[in-house]
Amino acid sequence: MTMEIYENMKKAYYNNIFDVTRLEEYVHLVIYGLLAFFTPFMLGHPQMVVGTVVNAYLILGATYLKGHKLLPLIILPTFGVVARGMLFGPFTIFVIYMIPFIWAGNAILTYSYRWLRHAKMNYALSVAIGATFKTAFLFGAAYALVKFSIVPALFLTTMGLFQLYTALAGGAVAWGVVWGVEKLSKRA
């Protein structure tokens, strides 16, 4: 059984959910990477919109890119937020302590979604489970950092249900894009 799980995880990592050419995959990578980094600059506030858009790019990337090509999408949004310095105003410096956890949370969302989709779970449930795992992880990390007085309690709110809402909303936006692309490609 464990070998079967390993093989399924390996398949989910190396194979796209949808067949795309190498060129299409690189176009997706460049577009999503640029948008993921520059979204905080372009949209500014509110965080709900920025988080939703970034999570949509993460799900779209997980849909169209191979596993290792997701890494830029996982890390670039946090650099954009810190460079813009807008997310938490005077508390933005504390985001630096959360960066490794945010990267891990983004990886949890994207890779769990990919694995569940390759396991033939439906789209909505795959996104919901990935979003729940991401939220639980980020809230746990924020809780520990607050308890050790490393970050202020504000992070419990932003790394809690807020993450769930933006991941679910981003999943809904990504589903709309995937559905639209599928409809357009069938017409062509």
Protein backbone atom coordinates (compact mmCIF):
# COMPACT_ATOMS: atom_id res chain seq x y z
CA MET A 1 0.00 0.00 0.00
CA THR A 2 2.77 2.47 0.85
CA MET A 3 4.47 1.77 -2.47
CA GLU A 4 1.22 2.53 -4.28
CA ILE A 5 0.89 5.85 -2.41
CA TYR A 6 4.50 6.68 -3.28
CA GLU A 7 3.89 5.92 -6.97
CA ASN A 8 0.74 8.07 -6.98
CA MET A 9 2.59 10.96 -5.35
CA LYS A 10 5.43 10.61 -7.86
CA LYS A 11 2.93 10.59 -10.73
CA ALA A 12 1.20 13.69 -9.32
CA TYR A 13 4.53 15.50 -9.06
CA TYR A 14 5.87 14.74 -12.53
CA ASN A 15 2.67 14.77 -14.61
CA ASN A 16 0.43 17.70 -15.41
CA ILE A 17 -3.27 17.51 -14.62
CA PHE A 18 -3.97 18.73 -18.17
CA ASP A 19 -1.79 17.95 -21.14
CA VAL A 20 0.10 21.04 -22.23
CA THR A 21 3.10 21.43 -24.48
CA ARG A 22 6.46 22.42 -23.05
CA LEU A 23 6.06 25.90 -24.56
CA GLU A 24 2.59 26.30 -23.02
CA GLU A 25 3.95 25.18 -19.68
CA TYR A 26 6.73 27.79 -19.79
CA VAL A 27 4.26 30.49 -20.84
CA HIS A 28 2.09 29.59 -17.84
CA LEU A 29 5.14 29.64 -15.59
CA VAL A 30 6.29 33.08 -16.73
CA ILE A 31 2.82 34.65 -16.65
CA TYR A 32 1.84 33.22 -13.25
CA GLY A 33 5.27 33.99 -11.80
CA LEU A 34 5.18 37.63 -12.89
CA LEU A 35 1.61 38.09 -11.76
CA ALA A 36 2.24 36.36 -8.42
CA PHE A 37 5.13 38.73 -7.67
CA PHE A 38 3.53 41.93 -9.00
CA THR A 39 -0.04 41.41 -7.71
CA PRO A 40 0.74 43.17 -4.39
CA PHE A 41 2.12 46.13 -6.38
CA MET A 42 -0.77 46.25 -8.84
CA LEU A 43 -3.64 45.70 -6.41
CA GLY A 44 -2.24 47.08 -3.17
CA HIS A 45 -5.19 46.52 -0.85
CA PRO A 46 -7.42 44.87 0.30
CA GLN A 47 -5.62 41.76 1.43
CA MET A 48 -8.68 39.64 0.62
CA VAL A 49 -8.31 40.51 -3.08
CA VAL A 50 -4.52 40.08 -3.13
CA GLY A 51 -4.75 36.73 -1.31
CA THR A 52 -7.51 35.47 -3.59
CA VAL A 53 -5.56 36.36 -6.74
CA VAL A 54 -2.33 34.81 -5.46
CA ASN A 55 -4.12 31.60 -4.43
CA ALA A 56 -5.75 31.48 -7.87
CA TYR A 57 -2.27 31.58 -9.46
CA LEU A 58 -1.13 28.81 -7.13
CA ILE A 59 -4.05 26.56 -8.12
CA LEU A 60 -3.66 27.42 -11.82
CA GLY A 61 0.04 26.67 -11.59
CA ALA A 62 -0.69 23.37 -9.87
CA THR A 63 -3.11 22.57 -12.69
CA TYR A 64 -0.86 23.37 -15.64
CA LEU A 65 2.73 22.98 -14.39
CA LYS A 66 4.86 20.05 -13.34
CA GLY A 67 5.77 19.83 -9.66
CA HIS A 68 9.20 21.47 -9.64
CA LYS A 69 7.99 24.34 -11.80
CA LEU A 70 5.62 25.36 -8.99
CA LEU A 71 8.50 26.53 -6.79
CA PRO A 72 8.68 30.08 -8.23
CA LEU A 73 4.94 30.48 -7.70
CA ILE A 74 5.27 29.24 -4.14
CA ILE A 75 7.98 31.74 -3.18
CA LEU A 76 7.43 34.85 -5.37
CA PRO A 77 4.24 36.22 -3.75
CA THR A 78 5.93 36.66 -0.36
CA PHE A 79 8.79 38.57 -1.95
CA GLY A 80 6.22 40.81 -3.65
CA VAL A 81 4.41 41.45 -0.36
CA VAL A 82 7.61 42.25 1.53
CA ALA A 83 8.97 44.40 -1.31
CA ARG A 84 5.72 46.33 -1.47
CA GLY A 85 5.59 46.55 2.35
CA MET A 86 1.86 46.87 2.34
CA LEU A 87 0.31 43.80 3.83
CA PHE A 88 0.64 44.57 7.52
CA GLY A 89 1.72 48.23 7.45
CA PRO A 90 4.11 48.69 10.38
CA PHE A 91 3.92 44.93 11.05
CA THR A 92 5.34 44.00 7.62
CA ILE A 93 8.74 43.37 9.19
CA PHE A 94 7.18 40.47 11.11
CA VAL A 95 6.19 38.83 7.81
CA ILE A 96 9.87 37.97 7.43
CA TYR A 97 9.52 35.50 10.32
CA MET A 98 6.51 33.93 8.60
CA ILE A 99 8.10 33.58 5.14
CA PRO A 100 9.29 29.96 5.46
CA PHE A 101 5.89 28.98 6.86
CA ILE A 102 4.05 30.83 4.08
CA TRP A 103 6.18 29.01 1.50
CA ALA A 104 5.41 25.70 3.17
CA GLY A 105 1.70 26.61 3.32
CA ASN A 106 1.68 27.45 -0.39
CA ALA A 107 3.43 24.15 -1.11
CA ILE A 108 0.90 22.28 1.01
CA LEU A 109 -1.97 23.86 -0.94
CA THR A 110 -0.52 23.24 -4.39
CA TYR A 111 0.89 19.76 -3.90
CA SER A 112 -2.07 18.40 -1.94
CA TYR A 113 -4.42 19.77 -4.62
CA ARG A 114 -2.30 18.12 -7.36
CA TRP A 115 -2.15 14.81 -5.53
CA LEU A 116 -5.89 14.74 -4.85
CA ARG A 117 -6.72 15.65 -8.46
CA HIS A 118 -4.43 12.88 -9.73
CA ALA A 119 -6.24 10.55 -7.30
CA LYS A 120 -9.44 11.49 -9.21
CA MET A 121 -10.99 13.55 -6.41
CA ASN A 122 -13.33 16.26 -7.69
CA TYR A 123 -12.03 19.80 -8.12
CA ALA A 124 -13.95 21.51 -5.30
CA LEU A 125 -13.05 18.92 -2.70
CA SER A 126 -9.40 18.92 -3.78
CA VAL A 127 -9.21 22.69 -3.35
CA ALA A 128 -11.14 22.61 -0.05
CA ILE A 129 -8.88 19.95 1.47
CA GLY A 130 -5.71 21.69 0.26
CA ALA A 131 -6.99 25.04 1.60
CA THR A 132 -7.82 23.46 4.96
CA PHE A 133 -4.36 21.89 5.25
CA LYS A 134 -2.71 25.20 4.33
CA THR A 135 -4.81 27.11 6.86
CA ALA A 136 -4.19 24.62 9.67
CA PHE A 137 -0.46 24.70 9.04
CA LEU A 138 -0.21 28.51 8.85
CA PHE A 139 -2.40 29.03 11.91
CA GLY A 140 -0.32 26.53 13.86
CA ALA A 141 2.90 28.26 12.84
CA ALA A 142 1.50 31.71 13.69
CA TYR A 143 0.20 30.42 17.02
CA ALA A 144 3.64 29.08 17.95
CA LEU A 145 5.35 32.33 16.89
CA VAL A 146 2.84 34.40 18.89
CA LYS A 147 3.36 32.17 21.96
CA PHE A 148 7.12 32.71 21.68
CA SER A 149 6.49 36.49 21.31
CA ILE A 150 8.13 36.54 17.88
CA VAL A 151 5.14 38.00 16.00
CA PRO A 152 2.13 40.00 17.25
CA ALA A 153 -1.27 38.37 17.82
CA LEU A 154 -2.55 40.08 14.63
CA PHE A 155 -1.03 37.15 12.75
CA LEU A 156 -3.51 34.73 14.31
CA THR A 157 -6.30 36.40 12.37
CA THR A 158 -4.47 36.79 9.08
CA MET A 159 -2.98 33.28 9.18
CA GLY A 160 -6.23 31.67 10.31
CA LEU A 161 -9.65 31.71 8.69
CA PHE A 162 -8.54 34.53 6.41
CA GLN A 163 -6.18 32.08 4.70
CA LEU A 164 -9.01 29.60 4.28
CA TYR A 165 -11.28 32.22 2.71
CA THR A 166 -8.66 33.46 0.25
CA ALA A 167 -7.57 29.94 -0.71
CA LEU A 168 -11.17 28.86 -1.35
CA ALA A 169 -11.94 32.06 -3.27
CA GLY A 170 -8.71 31.64 -5.27
CA GLY A 171 -9.73 28.07 -6.05
CA ALA A 172 -13.11 29.31 -7.30
CA VAL A 173 -11.43 31.92 -9.53
CA ALA A 174 -8.99 29.31 -10.86
CA TRP A 175 -11.87 26.93 -11.57
CA GLY A 176 -13.56 29.69 -13.60
CA VAL A 177 -10.38 30.20 -15.62
CA VAL A 178 -9.86 26.46 -16.21
CA TRP A 179 -13.52 25.99 -17.17
CA GLY A 180 -13.35 28.98 -19.55
CA VAL A 181 -10.14 27.74 -21.17
CA GLU A 182 -11.62 24.26 -21.61
CA LYS A 183 -14.75 25.72 -23.26
CA LEU A 184 -12.71 27.92 -25.59
CA SER A 185 -10.34 25.11 -26.57
CA LYS A 186 -13.28 22.85 -27.47
CA ARG A 187 -14.64 25.55 -29.80
CA ALA A 188 -11.32 25.96 -31.61
